[in-house]
């Protein structure tokens, strides 16, 4: 899996086990204002954008698309082929465009 680190420290669950999902998706997403709280941002998870899919020890750069809220998000690679998401734990990060780096 992909061992998560946050603020320079290992990220663990409530049992003290390091979080390491099999797949991590970084889905670059725009944000708007939450209708529930004007001071809170809300991810706009419909539309399209860039994505990084970390799976099987590699990173696939591609895109995501979800035309309507009731649709399932589809991830495609640079050649337009749908990326198969492996069974297991999947962690989805939703940074705004330009606000994530890979190391």
C-alpha atoms as a PDB file:
ATOM      1  CA  UNK A   1       0.000   0.000   0.000  1.00  0.00           C
ATOM      2  CA  UNK A   2       0.828   3.703   0.005  1.00  0.00           C
ATOM      3  CA  UNK A   3       1.967   4.668   3.491  1.00  0.00           C
ATOM      4  CA  UNK A   4       0.436   8.022   4.391  1.00  0.00           C
ATOM      5  CA  UNK A   5       2.441  10.778   6.049  1.00  0.00           C
ATOM      6  CA  UNK A   6       0.926  14.031   7.267  1.00  0.00           C
ATOM      7  CA  UNK A   7       2.824  17.007   8.651  1.00  0.00           C
ATOM      8  CA  UNK A   8       6.024  14.934   8.513  1.00  0.00           C
ATOM      9  CA  UNK A   9       4.641  12.133  10.702  1.00  0.00           C
ATOM     10  CA  UNK A  10       3.246   8.676   9.988  1.00  0.00           C
ATOM     11  CA  UNK A  11      -0.549   8.827   9.760  1.00  0.00           C
ATOM     12  CA  UNK A  12      -2.140   6.076  11.860  1.00  0.00           C
ATOM     13  CA  UNK A  13      -5.649   4.854  12.550  1.00  0.00           C
ATOM     14  CA  UNK A  14      -7.256   4.685  16.011  1.00  0.00           C
ATOM     15  CA  UNK A  15      -5.469   1.363  16.685  1.00  0.00           C
ATOM     16  CA  UNK A  16      -2.080   2.923  15.921  1.00  0.00           C
ATOM     17  CA  UNK A  17      -1.692   1.107  12.575  1.00  0.00           C
ATOM     18  CA  UNK A  18      -0.186   3.186   9.777  1.00  0.00           C
ATOM     19  CA  UNK A  19      -2.740   4.017   7.081  1.00  0.00           C
ATOM     20  CA  UNK A  20      -1.574   2.512   3.761  1.00  0.00           C
ATOM     21  CA  UNK A  21      -4.380   2.059   1.224  1.00  0.00           C
ATOM     22  CA  UNK A  22      -3.766  -0.088  -1.874  1.00  0.00           C
ATOM     23  CA  UNK A  23      -4.794   2.784  -4.159  1.00  0.00           C
ATOM     24  CA  UNK A  24      -4.624   6.547  -3.699  1.00  0.00           C
ATOM     25  CA  UNK A  25      -6.405   8.858  -6.120  1.00  0.00           C
ATOM     26  CA  UNK A  26      -5.494  12.533  -6.241  1.00  0.00           C
ATOM     27  CA  UNK A  27      -8.466  14.143  -7.981  1.00  0.00           C
ATOM     28  CA  UNK A  28      -7.879  17.828  -8.696  1.00  0.00           C
ATOM     29  CA  UNK A  29     -11.172  19.497  -7.892  1.00  0.00           C
ATOM     30  CA  UNK A  30     -12.539  23.014  -7.871  1.00  0.00           C
ATOM     31  CA  UNK A  31     -14.117  24.363  -4.700  1.00  0.00           C
ATOM     32  CA  UNK A  32     -17.117  26.570  -4.092  1.00  0.00           C
ATOM     33  CA  UNK A  33     -18.901  27.835  -0.998  1.00  0.00           C
ATOM     34  CA  UNK A  34     -20.869  25.305   1.018  1.00  0.00           C
ATOM     35  CA  UNK A  35     -24.608  25.996   1.083  1.00  0.00           C
ATOM     36  CA  UNK A  36     -24.577  24.750   4.702  1.00  0.00           C
ATOM     37  CA  UNK A  37     -21.929  27.220   5.895  1.00  0.00           C
ATOM     38  CA  UNK A  38     -20.692  30.232   3.946  1.00  0.00           C
ATOM     39  CA  UNK A  39     -17.330  29.985   5.753  1.00  0.00           C
ATOM     40  CA  UNK A  40     -16.736  26.395   4.624  1.00  0.00           C
ATOM     41  CA  UNK A  41     -15.429  25.337   1.210  1.00  0.00           C
ATOM     42  CA  UNK A  42     -17.177  22.520  -0.662  1.00  0.00           C
ATOM     43  CA  UNK A  43     -15.585  20.315  -3.317  1.00  0.00           C
ATOM     44  CA  UNK A  44     -17.301  20.427  -6.692  1.00  0.00           C
ATOM     45  CA  UNK A  45     -17.116  16.740  -7.574  1.00  0.00           C
ATOM     46  CA  UNK A  46     -18.912  16.949 -10.901  1.00  0.00           C
ATOM     47  CA  UNK A  47     -17.253  17.930 -14.161  1.00  0.00           C
ATOM     48  CA  UNK A  48     -13.757  16.978 -15.256  1.00  0.00           C
ATOM     49  CA  UNK A  49     -10.172  17.499 -14.208  1.00  0.00           C
ATOM     50  CA  UNK A  50      -6.714  16.018 -13.872  1.00  0.00           C
ATOM     51  CA  UNK A  51      -5.981  13.027 -11.651  1.00  0.00           C
ATOM     52  CA  UNK A  52      -3.059  10.990 -10.374  1.00  0.00           C
ATOM     53  CA  UNK A  53      -3.778   7.361  -9.576  1.00  0.00           C
ATOM     54  CA  UNK A  54      -1.197   5.678  -7.311  1.00  0.00           C
ATOM     55  CA  UNK A  55      -1.609   1.925  -7.689  1.00  0.00           C
ATOM     56  CA  UNK A  56       0.521  -1.210  -7.887  1.00  0.00           C
ATOM     57  CA  UNK A  57       3.697   0.741  -7.059  1.00  0.00           C
ATOM     58  CA  UNK A  58       3.318   3.275  -9.883  1.00  0.00           C
ATOM     59  CA  UNK A  59       1.580   6.535 -10.686  1.00  0.00           C
ATOM     60  CA  UNK A  60      -0.774   6.942 -13.623  1.00  0.00           C
ATOM     61  CA  UNK A  61      -1.415  10.508 -14.728  1.00  0.00           C
ATOM     62  CA  UNK A  62      -4.834  10.944 -16.235  1.00  0.00           C
ATOM     63  CA  UNK A  63      -8.188  12.631 -15.947  1.00  0.00           C
ATOM     64  CA  UNK A  64     -11.425  12.198 -14.074  1.00  0.00           C
ATOM     65  CA  UNK A  65     -14.970  12.875 -15.218  1.00  0.00           C
ATOM     66  CA  UNK A  66     -18.357  12.800 -13.549  1.00  0.00           C
ATOM     67  CA  UNK A  67     -21.053  14.558 -15.610  1.00  0.00           C
ATOM     68  CA  UNK A  68     -23.775  14.485 -12.931  1.00  0.00           C
ATOM     69  CA  UNK A  69     -23.876  13.810  -9.187  1.00  0.00           C
ATOM     70  CA  UNK A  70     -25.633  10.472  -9.712  1.00  0.00           C
ATOM     71  CA  UNK A  71     -22.868   9.213 -12.046  1.00  0.00           C
ATOM     72  CA  UNK A  72     -19.816   7.222 -10.974  1.00  0.00           C
ATOM     73  CA  UNK A  73     -16.476   9.015 -11.365  1.00  0.00           C
ATOM     74  CA  UNK A  74     -14.500   7.604 -14.303  1.00  0.00           C
ATOM     75  CA  UNK A  75     -10.709   7.806 -14.441  1.00  0.00           C
ATOM     76  CA  UNK A  76      -8.837   7.610 -17.766  1.00  0.00           C
ATOM     77  CA  UNK A  77      -5.144   7.483 -18.611  1.00  0.00           C
ATOM     78  CA  UNK A  78      -3.348   9.821 -21.033  1.00  0.00           C
ATOM     79  CA  UNK A  79      -4.408   7.592 -23.967  1.00  0.00           C
ATOM     80  CA  UNK A  80      -8.093   7.811 -22.986  1.00  0.00           C
ATOM     81  CA  UNK A  81      -8.319   4.261 -21.645  1.00  0.00           C
ATOM     82  CA  UNK A  82     -10.355   3.755 -18.475  1.00  0.00           C
ATOM     83  CA  UNK A  83      -8.166   3.034 -15.438  1.00  0.00           C
ATOM     84  CA  UNK A  84      -9.257  -0.017 -13.487  1.00  0.00           C
ATOM     85  CA  UNK A  85      -9.377   0.648  -9.752  1.00  0.00           C
ATOM     86  CA  UNK A  86      -8.189  -2.431  -7.879  1.00  0.00           C
ATOM     87  CA  UNK A  87     -10.259  -3.983  -5.091  1.00  0.00           C
ATOM     88  CA  UNK A  88      -9.231  -2.953  -1.595  1.00  0.00           C
ATOM     89  CA  UNK A  89      -8.900   0.287   0.295  1.00  0.00           C
ATOM     90  CA  UNK A  90      -8.968   3.406  -1.875  1.00  0.00           C
ATOM     91  CA  UNK A  91      -8.124   6.843  -0.508  1.00  0.00           C
ATOM     92  CA  UNK A  92      -9.346   9.811  -2.581  1.00  0.00           C
ATOM     93  CA  UNK A  93      -7.709  13.194  -2.045  1.00  0.00           C
ATOM     94  CA  UNK A  94      -9.435  16.314  -3.439  1.00  0.00           C
ATOM     95  CA  UNK A  95      -6.880  19.129  -3.732  1.00  0.00           C
ATOM     96  CA  UNK A  96      -7.660  22.163  -5.824  1.00  0.00           C
ATOM     97  CA  UNK A  97      -5.672  22.365  -9.090  1.00  0.00           C
ATOM     98  CA  UNK A  98      -2.026  23.231  -8.491  1.00  0.00           C
ATOM     99  CA  UNK A  99      -2.151  22.421  -4.775  1.00  0.00           C
ATOM    100  CA  UNK A 100      -0.467  18.996  -4.635  1.00  0.00           C
ATOM    101  CA  UNK A 101       3.035  17.732  -5.266  1.00  0.00           C
ATOM    102  CA  UNK A 102       4.488  14.280  -5.753  1.00  0.00           C
ATOM    103  CA  UNK A 103       7.674  13.135  -4.012  1.00  0.00           C
END
